[in-house]
């Protein structure tokens, strides 16, 4: 990945991914909140028939980065659907305790 630095030079960023983090976690719900300065994304795992859900990861980011993230997700979903067909969202379950998905 490269980016333009202050002098217009390419800056190479080395990205480190720890082995534990590389395993990932499964989530089946997300909650998105925002203030005037940031977006907060909580990634949640809801077990079937369980009265409580667990936040597996929280990401806090700027509005500018959130807009780039949404665009990248839309682009990748379009590529996925072009290759594998339309994703069927099915029937959404009712919101649980104010969580949005």
PDB file of N, CA and C in Angstrom:
ATOM      1  N   UNK A   1       0.846  -1.169   0.000  1.00  0.00           N
ATOM      2  CA  UNK A   1       0.000   0.000   0.000  1.00  0.00           C
ATOM      3  C   UNK A   1       0.890   1.230   0.000  1.00  0.00           C
ATOM      4  N   UNK A   2       0.598   2.178  -0.839  1.00  0.00           N
ATOM      5  CA  UNK A   2       1.371   3.408  -0.827  1.00  0.00           C
ATOM      6  C   UNK A   2       0.432   4.591  -0.695  1.00  0.00           C
ATOM      7  N   UNK A   3       1.002   5.692  -0.223  1.00  0.00           N
ATOM      8  CA  UNK A   3       0.249   6.921  -0.048  1.00  0.00           C
ATOM      9  C   UNK A   3       1.193   8.067  -0.330  1.00  0.00           C
ATOM     10  N   UNK A   4       0.669   9.201  -0.737  1.00  0.00           N
ATOM     11  CA  UNK A   4       1.506  10.364  -1.008  1.00  0.00           C
ATOM     12  C   UNK A   4       1.806  11.077   0.304  1.00  0.00           C
ATOM     13  N   UNK A   5       3.082  11.332   0.577  1.00  0.00           N
ATOM     14  CA  UNK A   5       3.501  12.061   1.761  1.00  0.00           C
ATOM     15  C   UNK A   5       3.381  13.555   1.539  1.00  0.00           C
ATOM     16  N   UNK A   6       3.833  14.339   2.512  1.00  0.00           N
ATOM     17  CA  UNK A   6       3.736  15.789   2.447  1.00  0.00           C
ATOM     18  C   UNK A   6       4.512  16.354   1.265  1.00  0.00           C
ATOM     19  N   UNK A   7       5.613  15.743   0.896  1.00  0.00           N
ATOM     20  CA  UNK A   7       6.452  16.233  -0.198  1.00  0.00           C
ATOM     21  C   UNK A   7       6.031  15.638  -1.546  1.00  0.00           C
ATOM     22  N   UNK A   8       4.913  14.887  -1.598  1.00  0.00           N
ATOM     23  CA  UNK A   8       4.480  14.260  -2.834  1.00  0.00           C
ATOM     24  C   UNK A   8       5.199  12.960  -3.122  1.00  0.00           C
ATOM     25  N   UNK A   9       5.998  12.481  -2.159  1.00  0.00           N
ATOM     26  CA  UNK A   9       6.723  11.230  -2.331  1.00  0.00           C
ATOM     27  C   UNK A   9       5.838  10.069  -1.881  1.00  0.00           C
ATOM     28  N   UNK A  10       6.037   8.914  -2.505  1.00  0.00           N
ATOM     29  CA  UNK A  10       5.316   7.716  -2.071  1.00  0.00           C
ATOM     30  C   UNK A  10       5.831   7.272  -0.711  1.00  0.00           C
ATOM     31  N   UNK A  11       4.905   6.955   0.174  1.00  0.00           N
ATOM     32  CA  UNK A  11       5.246   6.442   1.498  1.00  0.00           C
ATOM     33  C   UNK A  11       4.753   4.999   1.556  1.00  0.00           C
ATOM     34  N   UNK A  12       5.641   4.088   1.837  1.00  0.00           N
ATOM     35  CA  UNK A  12       5.281   2.679   1.961  1.00  0.00           C
ATOM     36  C   UNK A  12       4.933   2.374   3.412  1.00  0.00           C
ATOM     37  N   UNK A  13       3.779   1.800   3.632  1.00  0.00           N
ATOM     38  CA  UNK A  13       3.336   1.450   4.980  1.00  0.00           C
ATOM     39  C   UNK A  13       3.392  -0.063   5.123  1.00  0.00           C
ATOM     40  N   UNK A  14       4.130  -0.523   6.104  1.00  0.00           N
ATOM     41  CA  UNK A  14       4.189  -1.948   6.420  1.00  0.00           C
ATOM     42  C   UNK A  14       3.081  -2.245   7.437  1.00  0.00           C
ATOM     43  N   UNK A  15       2.207  -3.163   7.104  1.00  0.00           N
ATOM     44  CA  UNK A  15       1.090  -3.501   7.988  1.00  0.00           C
ATOM     45  C   UNK A  15       1.389  -4.826   8.677  1.00  0.00           C
ATOM     46  N   UNK A  16       1.362  -4.794  10.016  1.00  0.00           N
ATOM     47  CA  UNK A  16       1.611  -5.988  10.813  1.00  0.00           C
ATOM     48  C   UNK A  16       0.267  -6.567  11.267  1.00  0.00           C
ATOM     49  N   UNK A  17       0.106  -7.861  11.112  1.00  0.00           N
ATOM     50  CA  UNK A  17      -1.107  -8.552  11.544  1.00  0.00           C
ATOM     51  C   UNK A  17      -0.696  -9.669  12.490  1.00  0.00           C
ATOM     52  N   UNK A  18      -0.975  -9.472  13.781  1.00  0.00           N
ATOM     53  CA  UNK A  18      -0.639 -10.488  14.777  1.00  0.00           C
ATOM     54  C   UNK A  18      -1.402 -11.778  14.487  1.00  0.00           C
ATOM     55  N   UNK A  19      -0.790 -12.901  14.827  1.00  0.00           N
ATOM     56  CA  UNK A  19      -1.381 -14.203  14.534  1.00  0.00           C
ATOM     57  C   UNK A  19      -2.757 -14.381  15.176  1.00  0.00           C
ATOM     58  N   UNK A  20      -2.919 -13.945  16.419  1.00  0.00           N
ATOM     59  CA  UNK A  20      -4.216 -14.071  17.089  1.00  0.00           C
ATOM     60  C   UNK A  20      -5.279 -13.241  16.390  1.00  0.00           C
ATOM     61  N   UNK A  21      -4.936 -12.028  15.993  1.00  0.00           N
ATOM     62  CA  UNK A  21      -5.869 -11.151  15.309  1.00  0.00           C
ATOM     63  C   UNK A  21      -6.211 -11.692  13.919  1.00  0.00           C
ATOM     64  N   UNK A  22      -5.267 -12.337  13.286  1.00  0.00           N
ATOM     65  CA  UNK A  22      -5.475 -12.877  11.946  1.00  0.00           C
ATOM     66  C   UNK A  22      -6.538 -13.979  11.929  1.00  0.00           C
ATOM     67  N   UNK A  23      -6.785 -14.598  13.063  1.00  0.00           N
ATOM     68  CA  UNK A  23      -7.805 -15.647  13.146  1.00  0.00           C
ATOM     69  C   UNK A  23      -9.208 -15.076  12.981  1.00  0.00           C
ATOM     70  N   UNK A  24      -9.385 -13.798  13.344  1.00  0.00           N
ATOM     71  CA  UNK A  24     -10.685 -13.152  13.205  1.00  0.00           C
ATOM     72  C   UNK A  24     -11.682 -13.652  14.240  1.00  0.00           C
ATOM     73  N   UNK A  25     -12.829 -13.016  14.272  1.00  0.00           N
ATOM     74  CA  UNK A  25     -13.935 -13.424  15.133  1.00  0.00           C
ATOM     75  C   UNK A  25     -15.215 -13.361  14.313  1.00  0.00           C
ATOM     76  N   UNK A  26     -16.146 -14.224  14.636  1.00  0.00           N
ATOM     77  CA  UNK A  26     -17.430 -14.250  13.934  1.00  0.00           C
ATOM     78  C   UNK A  26     -18.386 -13.271  14.597  1.00  0.00           C
ATOM     79  N   UNK A  27     -19.076 -12.472  13.792  1.00  0.00           N
ATOM     80  CA  UNK A  27     -20.126 -11.585  14.287  1.00  0.00           C
ATOM     81  C   UNK A  27     -21.344 -11.730  13.390  1.00  0.00           C
ATOM     82  N   UNK A  28     -22.513 -11.494  13.961  1.00  0.00           N
ATOM     83  CA  UNK A  28     -23.733 -11.563  13.174  1.00  0.00           C
ATOM     84  C   UNK A  28     -24.631 -10.347  13.395  1.00  0.00           C
ATOM     85  N   UNK A  29     -24.053  -9.299  13.999  1.00  0.00           N
ATOM     86  CA  UNK A  29     -24.788  -8.056  14.204  1.00  0.00           C
ATOM     87  C   UNK A  29     -23.779  -6.928  14.374  1.00  0.00           C
ATOM     88  N   UNK A  30     -24.193  -5.736  13.998  1.00  0.00           N
ATOM     89  CA  UNK A  30     -23.340  -4.569  14.202  1.00  0.00           C
ATOM     90  C   UNK A  30     -24.210  -3.417  14.690  1.00  0.00           C
ATOM     91  N   UNK A  31     -23.640  -2.593  15.535  1.00  0.00           N
ATOM     92  CA  UNK A  31     -24.310  -1.397  16.011  1.00  0.00           C
ATOM     93  C   UNK A  31     -23.427  -0.219  15.622  1.00  0.00           C
ATOM     94  N   UNK A  32     -24.030   0.805  15.034  1.00  0.00           N
ATOM     95  CA  UNK A  32     -23.285   1.974  14.591  1.00  0.00           C
ATOM     96  C   UNK A  32     -23.843   3.199  15.305  1.00  0.00           C
ATOM     97  N   UNK A  33     -22.966   3.946  15.941  1.00  0.00           N
ATOM     98  CA  UNK A  33     -23.326   5.199  16.593  1.00  0.00           C
ATOM     99  C   UNK A  33     -22.349   6.265  16.136  1.00  0.00           C
ATOM    100  N   UNK A  34     -22.699   7.528  16.352  1.00  0.00           N
ATOM    101  CA  UNK A  34     -21.782   8.592  15.959  1.00  0.00           C
ATOM    102  C   UNK A  34     -21.968   9.823  16.825  1.00  0.00           C
ATOM    103  N   UNK A  35     -20.916  10.624  16.861  1.00  0.00           N
ATOM    104  CA  UNK A  35     -20.943  11.964  17.427  1.00  0.00           C
ATOM    105  C   UNK A  35     -20.567  12.896  16.287  1.00  0.00           C
ATOM    106  N   UNK A  36     -20.385  14.171  16.579  1.00  0.00           N
ATOM    107  CA  UNK A  36     -19.972  15.077  15.511  1.00  0.00           C
ATOM    108  C   UNK A  36     -18.535  14.831  15.077  1.00  0.00           C
ATOM    109  N   UNK A  37     -17.755  14.099  15.879  1.00  0.00           N
ATOM    110  CA  UNK A  37     -16.328  13.917  15.596  1.00  0.00           C
ATOM    111  C   UNK A  37     -15.931  12.496  15.224  1.00  0.00           C
ATOM    112  N   UNK A  38     -16.790  11.501  15.481  1.00  0.00           N
ATOM    113  CA  UNK A  38     -16.369  10.117  15.247  1.00  0.00           C
ATOM    114  C   UNK A  38     -17.556   9.183  15.055  1.00  0.00           C
ATOM    115  N   UNK A  39     -17.252   8.055  14.434  1.00  0.00           N
ATOM    116  CA  UNK A  39     -18.196   6.949  14.309  1.00  0.00           C
ATOM    117  C   UNK A  39     -17.695   5.812  15.188  1.00  0.00           C
ATOM    118  N   UNK A  40     -18.629   5.120  15.831  1.00  0.00           N
ATOM    119  CA  UNK A  40     -18.296   3.979  16.684  1.00  0.00           C
ATOM    120  C   UNK A  40     -19.039   2.775  16.119  1.00  0.00           C
ATOM    121  N   UNK A  41     -18.280   1.739  15.761  1.00  0.00           N
ATOM    122  CA  UNK A  41     -18.860   0.515  15.226  1.00  0.00           C
ATOM    123  C   UNK A  41     -18.607  -0.606  16.223  1.00  0.00           C
ATOM    124  N   UNK A  42     -19.674  -1.184  16.758  1.00  0.00           N
ATOM    125  CA  UNK A  42     -19.567  -2.344  17.631  1.00  0.00           C
ATOM    126  C   UNK A  42     -19.975  -3.571  16.832  1.00  0.00           C
ATOM    127  N   UNK A  43     -19.100  -4.573  16.792  1.00  0.00           N
ATOM    128  CA  UNK A  43     -19.364  -5.822  16.106  1.00  0.00           C
ATOM    129  C   UNK A  43     -19.728  -6.853  17.160  1.00  0.00           C
ATOM    130  N   UNK A  44     -20.904  -7.472  17.011  1.00  0.00           N
ATOM    131  CA  UNK A  44     -21.546  -8.227  18.075  1.00  0.00           C
ATOM    132  C   UNK A  44     -21.845  -9.652  17.615  1.00  0.00           C
ATOM    133  N   UNK A  45     -21.748 -10.567  18.563  1.00  0.00           N
ATOM    134  CA  UNK A  45     -22.169 -11.948  18.321  1.00  0.00           C
ATOM    135  C   UNK A  45     -23.372 -12.237  19.186  1.00  0.00           C
ATOM    136  N   UNK A  46     -24.490 -12.560  18.535  1.00  0.00           N
ATOM    137  CA  UNK A  46     -25.723 -12.916  19.230  1.00  0.00           C
ATOM    138  C   UNK A  46     -25.906 -14.420  19.081  1.00  0.00           C
ATOM    139  N   UNK A  47     -25.932 -15.124  20.201  1.00  0.00           N
ATOM    140  CA  UNK A  47     -26.187 -16.561  20.167  1.00  0.00           C
ATOM    141  C   UNK A  47     -27.687 -16.790  20.074  1.00  0.00           C
ATOM    142  N   UNK A  48     -28.108 -17.755  19.265  1.00  0.00           N
ATOM    143  CA  UNK A  48     -29.541 -18.053  19.189  1.00  0.00           C
ATOM    144  C   UNK A  48     -30.090 -18.414  20.578  1.00  0.00           C
ATOM    145  N   UNK A  49     -31.238 -17.873  20.879  1.00  0.00           N
ATOM    146  CA  UNK A  49     -31.959 -18.144  22.127  1.00  0.00           C
ATOM    147  C   UNK A  49     -31.251 -17.625  23.383  1.00  0.00           C
ATOM    148  N   UNK A  50     -30.176 -16.872  23.245  1.00  0.00           N
ATOM    149  CA  UNK A  50     -29.471 -16.339  24.412  1.00  0.00           C
ATOM    150  C   UNK A  50     -30.010 -14.943  24.732  1.00  0.00           C
ATOM    151  N   UNK A  51     -30.167 -14.634  26.016  1.00  0.00           N
ATOM    152  CA  UNK A  51     -30.721 -13.328  26.385  1.00  0.00           C
ATOM    153  C   UNK A  51     -29.704 -12.182  26.334  1.00  0.00           C
ATOM    154  N   UNK A  52     -28.443 -12.497  26.104  1.00  0.00           N
ATOM    155  CA  UNK A  52     -27.411 -11.476  26.115  1.00  0.00           C
ATOM    156  C   UNK A  52     -26.465 -11.677  24.937  1.00  0.00           C
ATOM    157  N   UNK A  53     -25.974 -10.564  24.385  1.00  0.00           N
ATOM    158  CA  UNK A  53     -25.042 -10.623  23.259  1.00  0.00           C
ATOM    159  C   UNK A  53     -23.689 -10.089  23.708  1.00  0.00           C
ATOM    160  N   UNK A  54     -22.640 -10.449  22.962  1.00  0.00           N
ATOM    161  CA  UNK A  54     -21.285 -10.022  23.304  1.00  0.00           C
ATOM    162  C   UNK A  54     -20.701  -9.146  22.209  1.00  0.00           C
ATOM    163  N   UNK A  55     -20.163  -7.982  22.606  1.00  0.00           N
ATOM    164  CA  UNK A  55     -19.415  -7.154  21.663  1.00  0.00           C
ATOM    165  C   UNK A  55     -18.059  -7.821  21.482  1.00  0.00           C
ATOM    166  N   UNK A  56     -17.740  -8.195  20.251  1.00  0.00           N
ATOM    167  CA  UNK A  56     -16.487  -8.875  19.954  1.00  0.00           C
ATOM    168  C   UNK A  56     -15.382  -7.897  19.589  1.00  0.00           C
ATOM    169  N   UNK A  57     -15.785  -6.735  19.034  1.00  0.00           N
ATOM    170  CA  UNK A  57     -14.789  -5.752  18.627  1.00  0.00           C
ATOM    171  C   UNK A  57     -15.459  -4.392  18.524  1.00  0.00           C
ATOM    172  N   UNK A  58     -14.712  -3.340  18.852  1.00  0.00           N
ATOM    173  CA  UNK A  58     -15.201  -1.969  18.701  1.00  0.00           C
ATOM    174  C   UNK A  58     -14.177  -1.204  17.869  1.00  0.00           C
ATOM    175  N   UNK A  59     -14.674  -0.495  16.849  1.00  0.00           N
ATOM    176  CA  UNK A  59     -13.827   0.333  16.002  1.00  0.00           C
ATOM    177  C   UNK A  59     -14.341   1.762  16.097  1.00  0.00           C
ATOM    178  N   UNK A  60     -13.434   2.695  16.368  1.00  0.00           N
ATOM    179  CA  UNK A  60     -13.771   4.117  16.439  1.00  0.00           C
ATOM    180  C   UNK A  60     -12.981   4.810  15.340  1.00  0.00           C
ATOM    181  N   UNK A  61     -13.678   5.584  14.504  1.00  0.00           N
ATOM    182  CA  UNK A  61     -13.018   6.205  13.365  1.00  0.00           C
ATOM    183  C   UNK A  61     -13.622   7.570  13.058  1.00  0.00           C
ATOM    184  N   UNK A  62     -12.938   8.319  12.203  1.00  0.00           N
ATOM    185  CA  UNK A  62     -13.382   9.664  11.841  1.00  0.00           C
ATOM    186  C   UNK A  62     -14.483   9.590  10.776  1.00  0.00           C
ATOM    187  N   UNK A  63     -15.300  10.640  10.659  1.00  0.00           N
ATOM    188  CA  UNK A  63     -16.323  10.658   9.602  1.00  0.00           C
ATOM    189  C   UNK A  63     -15.721  10.518   8.199  1.00  0.00           C
ATOM    190  N   UNK A  64     -14.583  11.139   7.963  1.00  0.00           N
ATOM    191  CA  UNK A  64     -13.939  11.052   6.652  1.00  0.00           C
ATOM    192  C   UNK A  64     -13.529   9.608   6.337  1.00  0.00           C
ATOM    193  N   UNK A  65     -12.935   8.942   7.308  1.00  0.00           N
ATOM    194  CA  UNK A  65     -12.535   7.552   7.080  1.00  0.00           C
ATOM    195  C   UNK A  65     -13.770   6.657   6.970  1.00  0.00           C
ATOM    196  N   UNK A  66     -14.816   6.940   7.732  1.00  0.00           N
ATOM    197  CA  UNK A  66     -16.047   6.147   7.654  1.00  0.00           C
ATOM    198  C   UNK A  66     -16.619   6.191   6.243  1.00  0.00           C
ATOM    199  N   UNK A  67     -16.600   7.376   5.631  1.00  0.00           N
ATOM    200  CA  UNK A  67     -17.129   7.501   4.273  1.00  0.00           C
ATOM    201  C   UNK A  67     -16.295   6.676   3.288  1.00  0.00           C
ATOM    202  N   UNK A  68     -14.963   6.688   3.455  1.00  0.00           N
ATOM    203  CA  UNK A  68     -14.102   5.865   2.596  1.00  0.00           C
ATOM    204  C   UNK A  68     -14.355   4.377   2.845  1.00  0.00           C
ATOM    205  N   UNK A  69     -14.573   4.005   4.102  1.00  0.00           N
ATOM    206  CA  UNK A  69     -14.841   2.606   4.447  1.00  0.00           C
ATOM    207  C   UNK A  69     -16.150   2.129   3.824  1.00  0.00           C
ATOM    208  N   UNK A  70     -17.196   2.940   3.914  1.00  0.00           N
ATOM    209  CA  UNK A  70     -18.489   2.582   3.310  1.00  0.00           C
ATOM    210  C   UNK A  70     -18.337   2.416   1.799  1.00  0.00           C
ATOM    211  N   UNK A  71     -17.613   3.323   1.148  1.00  0.00           N
ATOM    212  CA  UNK A  71     -17.401   3.222  -0.303  1.00  0.00           C
ATOM    213  C   UNK A  71     -16.647   1.937  -0.656  1.00  0.00           C
ATOM    214  N   UNK A  72     -15.627   1.607   0.121  1.00  0.00           N
ATOM    215  CA  UNK A  72     -14.852   0.385  -0.135  1.00  0.00           C
ATOM    216  C   UNK A  72     -15.720  -0.851   0.079  1.00  0.00           C
ATOM    217  N   UNK A  73     -16.582  -0.837   1.076  1.00  0.00           N
ATOM    218  CA  UNK A  73     -17.464  -1.982   1.324  1.00  0.00           C
ATOM    219  C   UNK A  73     -18.475  -2.141   0.200  1.00  0.00           C
ATOM    220  N   UNK A  74     -19.046  -1.017  -0.283  1.00  0.00           N
ATOM    221  CA  UNK A  74     -19.992  -1.080  -1.398  1.00  0.00           C
ATOM    222  C   UNK A  74     -19.330  -1.625  -2.658  1.00  0.00           C
ATOM    223  N   UNK A  75     -18.119  -1.154  -2.927  1.00  0.00           N
ATOM    224  CA  UNK A  75     -17.383  -1.611  -4.103  1.00  0.00           C
ATOM    225  C   UNK A  75     -17.095  -3.117  -4.021  1.00  0.00           C
ATOM    226  N   UNK A  76     -16.663  -3.575  -2.859  1.00  0.00           N
ATOM    227  CA  UNK A  76     -16.348  -4.993  -2.704  1.00  0.00           C
ATOM    228  C   UNK A  76     -17.596  -5.866  -2.733  1.00  0.00           C
ATOM    229  N   UNK A  77     -18.704  -5.395  -2.185  1.00  0.00           N
ATOM    230  CA  UNK A  77     -19.944  -6.160  -2.245  1.00  0.00           C
ATOM    231  C   UNK A  77     -20.424  -6.273  -3.688  1.00  0.00           C
ATOM    232  N   UNK A  78     -20.301  -5.197  -4.453  1.00  0.00           N
ATOM    233  CA  UNK A  78     -20.678  -5.244  -5.873  1.00  0.00           C
ATOM    234  C   UNK A  78     -19.829  -6.252  -6.629  1.00  0.00           C
ATOM    235  N   UNK A  79     -18.529  -6.287  -6.365  1.00  0.00           N
ATOM    236  CA  UNK A  79     -17.638  -7.270  -7.012  1.00  0.00           C
ATOM    237  C   UNK A  79     -18.019  -8.686  -6.603  1.00  0.00           C
ATOM    238  N   UNK A  80     -18.318  -8.887  -5.312  1.00  0.00           N
ATOM    239  CA  UNK A  80     -18.720 -10.205  -4.827  1.00  0.00           C
ATOM    240  C   UNK A  80     -19.991 -10.671  -5.537  1.00  0.00           C
ATOM    241  N   UNK A  81     -20.997  -9.767  -5.605  1.00  0.00           N
ATOM    242  CA  UNK A  81     -22.265 -10.146  -6.234  1.00  0.00           C
ATOM    243  C   UNK A  81     -22.111 -10.368  -7.734  1.00  0.00           C
ATOM    244  N   UNK A  82     -21.210  -9.660  -8.371  1.00  0.00           N
ATOM    245  CA  UNK A  82     -20.963  -9.886  -9.796  1.00  0.00           C
ATOM    246  C   UNK A  82     -20.394 -11.285 -10.032  1.00  0.00           C
ATOM    247  N   UNK A  83     -19.611 -11.763  -9.082  1.00  0.00           N
ATOM    248  CA  UNK A  83     -18.987 -13.074  -9.223  1.00  0.00           C
ATOM    249  C   UNK A  83     -19.862 -14.215  -8.695  1.00  0.00           C
ATOM    250  N   UNK A  84     -20.586 -13.969  -7.585  1.00  0.00           N
ATOM    251  CA  UNK A  84     -21.303 -15.050  -6.896  1.00  0.00           C
ATOM    252  C   UNK A  84     -22.817 -14.908  -6.908  1.00  0.00           C
ATOM    253  N   UNK A  85     -23.336 -13.836  -7.449  1.00  0.00           N
ATOM    254  CA  UNK A  85     -24.780 -13.615  -7.470  1.00  0.00           C
ATOM    255  C   UNK A  85     -25.233 -12.737  -6.312  1.00  0.00           C
ATOM    256  N   UNK A  86     -26.460 -12.267  -6.442  1.00  0.00           N
ATOM    257  CA  UNK A  86     -27.049 -11.361  -5.463  1.00  0.00           C
ATOM    258  C   UNK A  86     -27.105 -11.993  -4.076  1.00  0.00           C
ATOM    259  N   UNK A  87     -26.739 -11.240  -3.061  1.00  0.00           N
ATOM    260  CA  UNK A  87     -26.820 -11.701  -1.679  1.00  0.00           C
ATOM    261  C   UNK A  87     -28.255 -11.498  -1.208  1.00  0.00           C
ATOM    262  N   UNK A  88     -28.885 -12.579  -0.751  1.00  0.00           N
ATOM    263  CA  UNK A  88     -30.249 -12.517  -0.229  1.00  0.00           C
ATOM    264  C   UNK A  88     -30.184 -12.156   1.245  1.00  0.00           C
ATOM    265  N   UNK A  89     -30.746 -11.019   1.602  1.00  0.00           N
ATOM    266  CA  UNK A  89     -30.710 -10.583   2.995  1.00  0.00           C
ATOM    267  C   UNK A  89     -31.747 -11.291   3.846  1.00  0.00           C
ATOM    268  N   UNK A  90     -32.713 -11.957   3.232  1.00  0.00           N
ATOM    269  CA  UNK A  90     -33.730 -12.663   3.998  1.00  0.00           C
ATOM    270  C   UNK A  90     -34.566 -11.696   4.816  1.00  0.00           C
ATOM    271  N   UNK A  91     -35.208 -12.221   5.818  1.00  0.00           N
ATOM    272  CA  UNK A  91     -36.033 -11.413   6.700  1.00  0.00           C
ATOM    273  C   UNK A  91     -35.187 -10.997   7.888  1.00  0.00           C
ATOM    274  N   UNK A  92     -35.101  -9.702   8.135  1.00  0.00           N
ATOM    275  CA  UNK A  92     -34.303  -9.196   9.263  1.00  0.00           C
ATOM    276  C   UNK A  92     -35.007  -9.497  10.574  1.00  0.00           C
ATOM    277  N   UNK A  93     -34.254  -9.970  11.576  1.00  0.00           N
ATOM    278  CA  UNK A  93     -34.859 -10.192  12.883  1.00  0.00           C
ATOM    279  C   UNK A  93     -35.193  -8.855  13.536  1.00  0.00           C
ATOM    280  N   UNK A  94     -36.115  -8.842  14.486  1.00  0.00           N
ATOM    281  CA  UNK A  94     -36.434  -7.581  15.157  1.00  0.00           C
ATOM    282  C   UNK A  94     -35.231  -7.071  15.944  1.00  0.00           C
ATOM    283  N   UNK A  95     -35.098  -5.741  16.095  1.00  0.00           N
ATOM    284  CA  UNK A  95     -33.964  -5.194  16.867  1.00  0.00           C
ATOM    285  C   UNK A  95     -33.977  -5.717  18.301  1.00  0.00           C
ATOM    286  N   UNK A  96     -32.781  -5.946  18.812  1.00  0.00           N
ATOM    287  CA  UNK A  96     -32.630  -6.449  20.174  1.00  0.00           C
ATOM    288  C   UNK A  96     -32.021  -5.344  21.027  1.00  0.00           C
ATOM    289  N   UNK A  97     -32.728  -4.861  22.003  1.00  0.00           N
ATOM    290  CA  UNK A  97     -32.186  -3.871  22.943  1.00  0.00           C
ATOM    291  C   UNK A  97     -31.575  -2.657  22.283  1.00  0.00           C
ATOM    292  N   UNK A  98     -32.148  -2.195  21.174  1.00  0.00           N
ATOM    293  CA  UNK A  98     -31.640  -0.995  20.528  1.00  0.00           C
ATOM    294  C   UNK A  98     -30.506  -1.239  19.555  1.00  0.00           C
ATOM    295  N   UNK A  99     -30.064  -2.482  19.398  1.00  0.00           N
ATOM    296  CA  UNK A  99     -28.999  -2.764  18.450  1.00  0.00           C
ATOM    297  C   UNK A  99     -29.517  -2.578  17.032  1.00  0.00           C
ATOM    298  N   UNK A 100     -28.672  -2.050  16.189  1.00  0.00           N
ATOM    299  CA  UNK A 100     -29.026  -1.874  14.780  1.00  0.00           C
ATOM    300  C   UNK A 100     -28.145  -2.777  13.941  1.00  0.00           C
ATOM    301  N   UNK A 101     -28.671  -3.237  12.845  1.00  0.00           N
ATOM    302  CA  UNK A 101     -27.869  -4.073  11.945  1.00  0.00           C
ATOM    303  C   UNK A 101     -28.236  -3.810  10.535  1.00  0.00           C
TER     304      UNK A 101
END
